[in-house]
Amino acid sequence: MNLGNTAVRIIVSVIAIPLILLVSYLGGISFLIFVTGIALLAFHEFSGIAEHKNASVNLIIGFIGITSILISVFLKWQDVKPIMLAIVIILSLFELFRNKASAILNISTTLFGIFYIGVFAATIIDIRELYQDEYVRGGYLIIAIFASIWICDSAAFFVGSAIGKHKLFPRVSPKKSWEGAIAGFIFSILAFIAAKYIVLDFISLPDAFALGFIVGTVGQAGDLVESLLKRDAGVKDSSVLIPGHGGIFDRFDSLLLTAPAVYLYFYILYL
């Protein structure tokens, strides 16, 4: 039986979403493993995108660097500068022994992937670990972020498909429209306000509005940034790992840019 793309997307979502919500609720080592897996797979896909621009990403240093960053954040090591310095030093020295075309392109692309994916993914763990006294709160917050992103994406897609007339960023993503983006923005705020009254009673209504605002703007921008990278490289999807959905980088691009913005919001106001 040949299932359509929409049917495959729905089946994969029905299977994946409960697992994502469960591991977000549990937190701890299981959440660290989940985020590390997402980050490493996304980095691997990023390296494939970079190859289309004749860049040779150093996967070994990238995997080690990203894993080290995530573990250090989980263990609450206050100063990650030694890890950052070690990554740059080892990567630079390692390039001496690689017979690749452009050292500048290889080093800079590898560093960009490590910091964009690894450091940004680390803030997902930071958010999950925000509430140590009442640990489940961090789980509810992560779940609310996921839900808001998914609702934002769905609203943008359906409204954009139905009434989208004005192109948002045709150079980057020709199918996205201002009508869809506005719908996604509105629904992301409504989703967070609803979450405030369902599971996030520990945050204020202005906080809920602000977090929905972040998802509705920065989250959608995260999708556009990844689309920009793919369009520059001339690829449609980061991979075909997830049937009907593309790659891990495709599915978590919004979260990767949303998480650091959310973390900065809490850091500036409350930490």
C-alpha atoms as a PDB file:
ATOM      1  CA  MET A   1       0.000   0.000   0.000  1.00  0.00           C
ATOM      2  CA  ASN A   2       1.401   3.369  -1.032  1.00  0.00           C
ATOM      3  CA  LEU A   3       0.644   5.962   1.626  1.00  0.00           C
ATOM      4  CA  GLY A   4       0.567   9.623   0.680  1.00  0.00           C
ATOM      5  CA  ASN A   5       3.077  12.054   2.127  1.00  0.00           C
ATOM      6  CA  THR A   6       0.478  13.628   4.440  1.00  0.00           C
ATOM      7  CA  ALA A   7      -0.544  10.220   5.805  1.00  0.00           C
ATOM      8  CA  VAL A   8       3.100   9.301   6.460  1.00  0.00           C
ATOM      9  CA  ARG A   9       3.666  12.615   8.236  1.00  0.00           C
ATOM     10  CA  ILE A  10       0.652  12.000  10.474  1.00  0.00           C
ATOM     11  CA  ILE A  11       1.699   8.435  11.332  1.00  0.00           C
ATOM     12  CA  VAL A  12       5.240   9.508  12.202  1.00  0.00           C
ATOM     13  CA  SER A  13       3.901  12.389  14.321  1.00  0.00           C
ATOM     14  CA  VAL A  14       1.486  10.110  16.205  1.00  0.00           C
ATOM     15  CA  ILE A  15       4.407   7.854  17.123  1.00  0.00           C
ATOM     16  CA  ALA A  16       7.059  10.513  17.804  1.00  0.00           C
ATOM     17  CA  ILE A  17       5.110  13.191  19.691  1.00  0.00           C
ATOM     18  CA  PRO A  18       4.167  11.059  22.742  1.00  0.00           C
ATOM     19  CA  LEU A  19       7.787   9.891  23.052  1.00  0.00           C
ATOM     20  CA  ILE A  20       9.073  13.479  22.888  1.00  0.00           C
ATOM     21  CA  LEU A  21       6.553  14.608  25.503  1.00  0.00           C
ATOM     22  CA  LEU A  22       7.405  11.681  27.782  1.00  0.00           C
ATOM     23  CA  VAL A  23      11.161  12.255  27.716  1.00  0.00           C
ATOM     24  CA  SER A  24      10.597  16.000  28.218  1.00  0.00           C
ATOM     25  CA  TYR A  25       8.459  15.274  31.275  1.00  0.00           C
ATOM     26  CA  LEU A  26      10.971  12.823  32.757  1.00  0.00           C
ATOM     27  CA  GLY A  27      14.027  15.039  32.250  1.00  0.00           C
ATOM     28  CA  GLY A  28      17.345  13.893  33.722  1.00  0.00           C
ATOM     29  CA  ILE A  29      19.612  11.506  31.839  1.00  0.00           C
ATOM     30  CA  SER A  30      16.871  10.484  29.414  1.00  0.00           C
ATOM     31  CA  PHE A  31      16.401  14.084  28.313  1.00  0.00           C
ATOM     32  CA  LEU A  32      20.165  14.602  28.027  1.00  0.00           C
ATOM     33  CA  ILE A  33      20.402  11.529  25.771  1.00  0.00           C
ATOM     34  CA  PHE A  34      17.442  12.759  23.708  1.00  0.00           C
ATOM     35  CA  VAL A  35      18.885  16.254  23.166  1.00  0.00           C
ATOM     36  CA  THR A  36      22.377  14.867  22.494  1.00  0.00           C
ATOM     37  CA  GLY A  37      20.980  12.494  19.879  1.00  0.00           C
ATOM     38  CA  ILE A  38      19.046  15.314  18.215  1.00  0.00           C
ATOM     39  CA  ALA A  39      22.119  17.587  18.214  1.00  0.00           C
ATOM     40  CA  LEU A  40      24.517  14.981  16.829  1.00  0.00           C
ATOM     41  CA  LEU A  41      22.128  13.906  14.075  1.00  0.00           C
ATOM     42  CA  ALA A  42      21.428  17.537  13.168  1.00  0.00           C
ATOM     43  CA  PHE A  43      25.175  18.239  13.053  1.00  0.00           C
ATOM     44  CA  HIS A  44      25.721  15.237  10.791  1.00  0.00           C
ATOM     45  CA  GLU A  45      22.989  16.523   8.477  1.00  0.00           C
ATOM     46  CA  PHE A  46      24.502  19.994   8.583  1.00  0.00           C
ATOM     47  CA  SER A  47      27.815  18.515   7.464  1.00  0.00           C
ATOM     48  CA  GLY A  48      26.043  16.991   4.474  1.00  0.00           C
ATOM     49  CA  ILE A  49      24.550  20.369   3.587  1.00  0.00           C
ATOM     50  CA  ALA A  50      27.997  21.972   3.891  1.00  0.00           C
ATOM     51  CA  GLU A  51      29.481  19.407   1.506  1.00  0.00           C
ATOM     52  CA  HIS A  52      27.364  20.910  -1.259  1.00  0.00           C
ATOM     53  CA  LYS A  53      29.372  24.122  -0.737  1.00  0.00           C
ATOM     54  CA  ASN A  54      32.670  22.188  -0.885  1.00  0.00           C
ATOM     55  CA  ALA A  55      33.221  22.440   2.868  1.00  0.00           C
ATOM     56  CA  SER A  56      34.529  19.410   4.743  1.00  0.00           C
ATOM     57  CA  VAL A  57      33.110  19.543   8.261  1.00  0.00           C
ATOM     58  CA  ASN A  58      35.211  17.755  10.876  1.00  0.00           C
ATOM     59  CA  LEU A  59      32.646  15.291  12.214  1.00  0.00           C
ATOM     60  CA  ILE A  60      34.898  13.795  14.890  1.00  0.00           C
ATOM     61  CA  ILE A  61      35.700  17.130  16.541  1.00  0.00           C
ATOM     62  CA  GLY A  62      32.111  18.252  16.051  1.00  0.00           C
ATOM     63  CA  PHE A  63      30.647  15.186  17.762  1.00  0.00           C
ATOM     64  CA  ILE A  64      33.115  15.370  20.647  1.00  0.00           C
ATOM     65  CA  GLY A  65      32.669  19.134  21.039  1.00  0.00           C
ATOM     66  CA  ILE A  66      28.865  19.074  21.001  1.00  0.00           C
ATOM     67  CA  THR A  67      28.684  16.132  23.407  1.00  0.00           C
ATOM     68  CA  SER A  68      31.128  17.837  25.790  1.00  0.00           C
ATOM     69  CA  ILE A  69      29.113  21.079  25.746  1.00  0.00           C
ATOM     70  CA  LEU A  70      25.838  19.302  26.461  1.00  0.00           C
ATOM     71  CA  ILE A  71      27.261  17.185  29.272  1.00  0.00           C
ATOM     72  CA  SER A  72      28.933  20.199  30.880  1.00  0.00           C
ATOM     73  CA  VAL A  73      25.640  22.103  30.858  1.00  0.00           C
ATOM     74  CA  PHE A  74      23.747  19.119  32.284  1.00  0.00           C
ATOM     75  CA  LEU A  75      26.323  18.713  35.074  1.00  0.00           C
ATOM     76  CA  LYS A  76      26.078  22.465  35.714  1.00  0.00           C
ATOM     77  CA  TRP A  77      29.724  23.268  35.184  1.00  0.00           C
ATOM     78  CA  GLN A  78      29.682  27.025  35.482  1.00  0.00           C
ATOM     79  CA  ASP A  79      32.534  27.799  33.097  1.00  0.00           C
ATOM     80  CA  VAL A  80      32.449  26.182  29.664  1.00  0.00           C
ATOM     81  CA  LYS A  81      35.194  28.425  28.281  1.00  0.00           C
ATOM     82  CA  PRO A  82      37.856  25.679  28.640  1.00  0.00           C
ATOM     83  CA  ILE A  83      35.729  23.410  26.430  1.00  0.00           C
ATOM     84  CA  MET A  84      35.259  26.175  23.849  1.00  0.00           C
ATOM     85  CA  LEU A  85      38.978  26.928  23.822  1.00  0.00           C
ATOM     86  CA  ALA A  86      39.853  23.245  23.511  1.00  0.00           C
ATOM     87  CA  ILE A  87      37.473  22.836  20.567  1.00  0.00           C
ATOM     88  CA  VAL A  88      39.064  25.713  18.649  1.00  0.00           C
ATOM     89  CA  ILE A  89      42.646  24.642  19.431  1.00  0.00           C
ATOM     90  CA  ILE A  90      42.152  20.946  18.619  1.00  0.00           C
ATOM     91  CA  LEU A  91      40.119  21.704  15.502  1.00  0.00           C
ATOM     92  CA  SER A  92      42.811  24.058  14.189  1.00  0.00           C
ATOM     93  CA  LEU A  93      45.602  21.570  14.854  1.00  0.00           C
ATOM     94  CA  PHE A  94      43.588  18.668  13.460  1.00  0.00           C
ATOM     95  CA  GLU A  95      43.119  20.506  10.155  1.00  0.00           C
ATOM     96  CA  LEU A  96      46.899  20.363   9.612  1.00  0.00           C
ATOM     97  CA  PHE A  97      46.597  16.617   9.050  1.00  0.00           C
ATOM     98  CA  ARG A  98      43.494  16.671   6.850  1.00  0.00           C
ATOM     99  CA  ASN A  99      44.115  16.742   3.128  1.00  0.00           C
ATOM    100  CA  LYS A 100      41.082  18.883   2.325  1.00  0.00           C
ATOM    101  CA  ALA A 101      40.658  21.772  -0.089  1.00  0.00           C
ATOM    102  CA  SER A 102      40.063  24.826   2.102  1.00  0.00           C
ATOM    103  CA  ALA A 103      41.219  24.987   5.703  1.00  0.00           C
ATOM    104  CA  ILE A 104      39.453  28.310   6.267  1.00  0.00           C
ATOM    105  CA  LEU A 105      36.155  26.963   4.954  1.00  0.00           C
ATOM    106  CA  ASN A 106      36.473  23.676   6.835  1.00  0.00           C
ATOM    107  CA  ILE A 107      37.343  25.206  10.208  1.00  0.00           C
ATOM    108  CA  SER A 108      34.802  28.021  10.039  1.00  0.00           C
ATOM    109  CA  THR A 109      31.977  25.722   8.887  1.00  0.00           C
ATOM    110  CA  THR A 110      32.750  23.174  11.607  1.00  0.00           C
ATOM    111  CA  LEU A 111      32.793  25.868  14.287  1.00  0.00           C
ATOM    112  CA  PHE A 112      29.530  27.339  13.030  1.00  0.00           C
ATOM    113  CA  GLY A 113      27.880  23.910  13.206  1.00  0.00           C
ATOM    114  CA  ILE A 114      29.206  23.238  16.707  1.00  0.00           C
ATOM    115  CA  PHE A 115      28.051  26.575  18.089  1.00  0.00           C
ATOM    116  CA  TYR A 116      24.772  26.895  16.180  1.00  0.00           C
ATOM    117  CA  ILE A 117      23.656  23.346  16.947  1.00  0.00           C
ATOM    118  CA  GLY A 118      25.656  22.397  20.052  1.00  0.00           C
ATOM    119  CA  VAL A 119      25.462  25.621  22.075  1.00  0.00           C
ATOM    120  CA  PHE A 120      21.855  26.285  21.072  1.00  0.00           C
ATOM    121  CA  ALA A 121      20.891  22.686  21.954  1.00  0.00           C
ATOM    122  CA  ALA A 122      22.550  23.179  25.339  1.00  0.00           C
ATOM    123  CA  THR A 123      19.992  25.877  26.155  1.00  0.00           C
ATOM    124  CA  ILE A 124      17.233  23.268  25.729  1.00  0.00           C
ATOM    125  CA  ILE A 125      18.828  21.411  28.643  1.00  0.00           C
ATOM    126  CA  ASP A 126      19.232  24.693  30.544  1.00  0.00           C
ATOM    127  CA  ILE A 127      15.490  25.327  30.248  1.00  0.00           C
ATOM    128  CA  ARG A 128      14.603  21.785  31.345  1.00  0.00           C
ATOM    129  CA  GLU A 129      16.855  22.172  34.401  1.00  0.00           C
ATOM    130  CA  LEU A 130      15.602  25.640  35.419  1.00  0.00           C
ATOM    131  CA  TYR A 131      13.415  24.453  38.298  1.00  0.00           C
ATOM    132  CA  GLN A 132      15.415  22.176  40.576  1.00  0.00           C
ATOM    133  CA  ASP A 133      13.125  22.498  43.605  1.00  0.00           C
ATOM    134  CA  GLU A 134      10.037  21.527  41.614  1.00  0.00           C
ATOM    135  CA  TYR A 135      11.680  19.579  38.829  1.00  0.00           C
ATOM    136  CA  VAL A 136       8.531  18.767  36.876  1.00  0.00           C
ATOM    137  CA  ARG A 137       8.038  22.457  36.082  1.00  0.00           C
ATOM    138  CA  GLY A 138      10.909  22.393  33.620  1.00  0.00           C
ATOM    139  CA  GLY A 139       9.248  19.463  31.885  1.00  0.00           C
ATOM    140  CA  TYR A 140       5.974  21.338  31.565  1.00  0.00           C
ATOM    141  CA  LEU A 141       7.829  24.349  30.180  1.00  0.00           C
ATOM    142  CA  ILE A 142       9.621  22.282  27.534  1.00  0.00           C
ATOM    143  CA  ILE A 143       6.356  20.570  26.599  1.00  0.00           C
ATOM    144  CA  ALA A 144       4.665  23.970  26.264  1.00  0.00           C
ATOM    145  CA  ILE A 145       7.467  25.172  23.983  1.00  0.00           C
ATOM    146  CA  PHE A 146       7.142  22.085  21.799  1.00  0.00           C
ATOM    147  CA  ALA A 147       3.352  22.421  21.667  1.00  0.00           C
ATOM    148  CA  SER A 148       3.532  26.110  20.820  1.00  0.00           C
ATOM    149  CA  ILE A 149       6.027  25.452  18.009  1.00  0.00           C
ATOM    150  CA  TRP A 150       3.886  22.650  16.570  1.00  0.00           C
ATOM    151  CA  ILE A 151       0.721  24.736  16.766  1.00  0.00           C
ATOM    152  CA  CYS A 152       2.515  27.708  15.232  1.00  0.00           C
ATOM    153  CA  ASP A 153       3.805  25.570  12.352  1.00  0.00           C
ATOM    154  CA  SER A 154       0.384  24.012  11.750  1.00  0.00           C
ATOM    155  CA  ALA A 155      -1.441  27.352  11.798  1.00  0.00           C
ATOM    156  CA  ALA A 156       1.119  28.907   9.453  1.00  0.00           C
ATOM    157  CA  PHE A 157       0.855  25.971   7.046  1.00  0.00           C
ATOM    158  CA  PHE A 158      -2.934  25.686   6.880  1.00  0.00           C
ATOM    159  CA  VAL A 159      -3.684  29.413   6.834  1.00  0.00           C
ATOM    160  CA  GLY A 160      -0.857  30.055   4.382  1.00  0.00           C
ATOM    161  CA  SER A 161      -2.092  27.275   2.102  1.00  0.00           C
ATOM    162  CA  ALA A 162      -5.668  28.572   2.245  1.00  0.00           C
ATOM    163  CA  ILE A 163      -5.302  32.336   1.934  1.00  0.00           C
ATOM    164  CA  GLY A 164      -1.588  33.093   1.614  1.00  0.00           C
ATOM    165  CA  LYS A 165      -1.048  35.751  -1.046  1.00  0.00           C
ATOM    166  CA  HIS A 166       1.921  37.842   0.089  1.00  0.00           C
ATOM    167  CA  LYS A 167       5.311  36.108   0.096  1.00  0.00           C
ATOM    168  CA  LEU A 168       7.247  36.297   3.350  1.00  0.00           C
ATOM    169  CA  PHE A 169      10.824  35.650   2.160  1.00  0.00           C
ATOM    170  CA  PRO A 170      10.617  34.444  -1.445  1.00  0.00           C
ATOM    171  CA  ARG A 171      14.416  34.372  -1.757  1.00  0.00           C
ATOM    172  CA  VAL A 172      14.605  31.900   1.135  1.00  0.00           C
ATOM    173  CA  SER A 173      11.292  30.027   1.220  1.00  0.00           C
ATOM    174  CA  PRO A 174       8.958  30.778  -1.701  1.00  0.00           C
ATOM    175  CA  LYS A 175       5.956  28.945  -0.229  1.00  0.00           C
ATOM    176  CA  LYS A 176       5.778  30.855   3.062  1.00  0.00           C
ATOM    177  CA  SER A 177       3.415  33.813   3.246  1.00  0.00           C
ATOM    178  CA  TRP A 178       2.836  36.752   5.559  1.00  0.00           C
ATOM    179  CA  GLU A 179      -0.704  35.500   6.162  1.00  0.00           C
ATOM    180  CA  GLY A 180       0.625  32.157   7.351  1.00  0.00           C
ATOM    181  CA  ALA A 181       3.351  33.756   9.473  1.00  0.00           C
ATOM    182  CA  ILE A 182       0.840  36.058  11.184  1.00  0.00           C
ATOM    183  CA  ALA A 183      -1.475  33.117  11.882  1.00  0.00           C
ATOM    184  CA  GLY A 184       1.432  31.161  13.351  1.00  0.00           C
ATOM    185  CA  PHE A 185       2.402  34.149  15.490  1.00  0.00           C
ATOM    186  CA  ILE A 186      -1.127  34.570  16.871  1.00  0.00           C
ATOM    187  CA  PHE A 187      -1.636  30.877  17.582  1.00  0.00           C
ATOM    188  CA  SER A 188       1.756  30.516  19.278  1.00  0.00           C
ATOM    189  CA  ILE A 189       0.760  33.242  21.745  1.00  0.00           C
ATOM    190  CA  LEU A 190      -2.679  31.682  22.283  1.00  0.00           C
ATOM    191  CA  ALA A 191      -1.026  28.290  22.823  1.00  0.00           C
ATOM    192  CA  PHE A 192       1.243  29.636  25.551  1.00  0.00           C
ATOM    193  CA  ILE A 193      -1.594  31.506  27.232  1.00  0.00           C
ATOM    194  CA  ALA A 194      -3.610  28.270  27.247  1.00  0.00           C
ATOM    195  CA  ALA A 195      -0.585  26.392  28.617  1.00  0.00           C
ATOM    196  CA  LYS A 196      -0.301  28.964  31.424  1.00  0.00           C
ATOM    197  CA  TYR A 197      -3.763  27.976  32.658  1.00  0.00           C
ATOM    198  CA  ILE A 198      -3.300  24.244  32.064  1.00  0.00           C
ATOM    199  CA  VAL A 199       0.234  23.366  33.273  1.00  0.00           C
ATOM    200  CA  LEU A 200       2.247  26.596  33.638  1.00  0.00           C
ATOM    201  CA  ASP A 201       0.499  28.160  36.637  1.00  0.00           C
ATOM    202  CA  PHE A 202       3.948  29.091  38.001  1.00  0.00           C
ATOM    203  CA  ILE A 203       4.531  31.727  35.295  1.00  0.00           C
ATOM    204  CA  SER A 204       2.693  35.026  34.917  1.00  0.00           C
ATOM    205  CA  LEU A 205       0.355  35.979  32.096  1.00  0.00           C
ATOM    206  CA  PRO A 206       2.884  38.529  30.734  1.00  0.00           C
ATOM    207  CA  ASP A 207       5.492  35.728  30.749  1.00  0.00           C
ATOM    208  CA  ALA A 208       3.142  33.478  28.790  1.00  0.00           C
ATOM    209  CA  PHE A 209       2.536  36.248  26.261  1.00  0.00           C
ATOM    210  CA  ALA A 210       6.264  36.940  25.953  1.00  0.00           C
ATOM    211  CA  LEU A 211       7.153  33.259  25.488  1.00  0.00           C
ATOM    212  CA  GLY A 212       4.438  32.870  22.855  1.00  0.00           C
ATOM    213  CA  PHE A 213       5.796  35.989  21.164  1.00  0.00           C
ATOM    214  CA  ILE A 214       9.284  34.460  21.108  1.00  0.00           C
ATOM    215  CA  VAL A 215       8.042  31.215  19.565  1.00  0.00           C
ATOM    216  CA  GLY A 216       5.917  33.082  17.031  1.00  0.00           C
ATOM    217  CA  THR A 217       8.819  35.219  15.856  1.00  0.00           C
ATOM    218  CA  VAL A 218      12.162  33.576  16.632  1.00  0.00           C
ATOM    219  CA  GLY A 219      10.763  30.082  16.089  1.00  0.00           C
ATOM    220  CA  GLN A 220       9.569  30.927  12.601  1.00  0.00           C
ATOM    221  CA  ALA A 221      12.873  32.689  11.943  1.00  0.00           C
ATOM    222  CA  GLY A 222      14.693  29.479  12.901  1.00  0.00           C
ATOM    223  CA  ASP A 223      12.886  27.667  10.114  1.00  0.00           C
ATOM    224  CA  LEU A 224      13.848  30.434   7.689  1.00  0.00           C
ATOM    225  CA  VAL A 225      17.515  30.339   8.742  1.00  0.00           C
ATOM    226  CA  GLU A 226      17.722  26.622   8.055  1.00  0.00           C
ATOM    227  CA  SER A 227      15.920  27.153   4.739  1.00  0.00           C
ATOM    228  CA  LEU A 228      18.519  29.792   3.896  1.00  0.00           C
ATOM    229  CA  LEU A 229      21.336  27.307   4.513  1.00  0.00           C
ATOM    230  CA  LYS A 230      19.646  24.612   2.437  1.00  0.00           C
ATOM    231  CA  ARG A 231      18.818  26.967  -0.419  1.00  0.00           C
ATOM    232  CA  ASP A 232      22.409  28.216  -0.471  1.00  0.00           C
ATOM    233  CA  ALA A 233      23.578  24.605  -0.708  1.00  0.00           C
ATOM    234  CA  GLY A 234      20.909  23.662  -3.249  1.00  0.00           C
ATOM    235  CA  VAL A 235      19.228  20.937  -1.169  1.00  0.00           C
ATOM    236  CA  LYS A 236      15.551  20.444  -0.334  1.00  0.00           C
ATOM    237  CA  ASP A 237      15.781  18.560   2.990  1.00  0.00           C
ATOM    238  CA  SER A 238      18.616  18.110   5.454  1.00  0.00           C
ATOM    239  CA  SER A 239      18.134  14.332   5.049  1.00  0.00           C
ATOM    240  CA  VAL A 240      15.433  11.702   4.504  1.00  0.00           C
ATOM    241  CA  LEU A 241      15.823  10.202   7.979  1.00  0.00           C
ATOM    242  CA  ILE A 242      12.223  10.856   9.086  1.00  0.00           C
ATOM    243  CA  PRO A 243       9.641   9.588   6.588  1.00  0.00           C
ATOM    244  CA  GLY A 244       7.471  12.452   5.372  1.00  0.00           C
ATOM    245  CA  HIS A 245       9.331  15.018   7.481  1.00  0.00           C
ATOM    246  CA  GLY A 246      12.842  15.259   6.076  1.00  0.00           C
ATOM    247  CA  GLY A 247      15.698  15.288   8.536  1.00  0.00           C
ATOM    248  CA  ILE A 248      16.268  15.983  12.229  1.00  0.00           C
ATOM    249  CA  PHE A 249      17.643  19.442  11.413  1.00  0.00           C
ATOM    250  CA  ASP A 250      14.431  20.139   9.473  1.00  0.00           C
ATOM    251  CA  ARG A 251      12.193  19.105  12.364  1.00  0.00           C
ATOM    252  CA  PHE A 252      14.074  20.879  15.158  1.00  0.00           C
ATOM    253  CA  ASP A 253      15.256  24.036  13.372  1.00  0.00           C
ATOM    254  CA  SER A 254      12.639  26.203  15.110  1.00  0.00           C
ATOM    255  CA  LEU A 255      13.493  24.797  18.540  1.00  0.00           C
ATOM    256  CA  LEU A 256      17.220  25.345  18.018  1.00  0.00           C
ATOM    257  CA  LEU A 257      16.695  29.097  17.625  1.00  0.00           C
ATOM    258  CA  THR A 258      13.775  29.395  20.057  1.00  0.00           C
ATOM    259  CA  ALA A 259      15.511  27.723  23.002  1.00  0.00           C
ATOM    260  CA  PRO A 260      18.380  30.238  23.364  1.00  0.00           C
ATOM    261  CA  ALA A 261      15.911  33.127  23.047  1.00  0.00           C
ATOM    262  CA  VAL A 262      13.696  31.634  25.777  1.00  0.00           C
ATOM    263  CA  TYR A 263      16.722  30.958  27.963  1.00  0.00           C
ATOM    264  CA  LEU A 264      17.934  34.543  27.530  1.00  0.00           C
ATOM    265  CA  TYR A 265      14.468  35.772  28.536  1.00  0.00           C
ATOM    266  CA  PHE A 266      14.625  33.843  31.816  1.00  0.00           C
ATOM    267  CA  TYR A 267      18.310  34.669  32.345  1.00  0.00           C
ATOM    268  CA  ILE A 268      17.783  38.414  31.982  1.00  0.00           C
ATOM    269  CA  LEU A 269      14.621  38.601  34.072  1.00  0.00           C
ATOM    270  CA  TYR A 270      14.932  35.872  36.686  1.00  0.00           C
ATOM    271  CA  LEU A 271      18.414  34.291  36.911  1.00  0.00           C
END
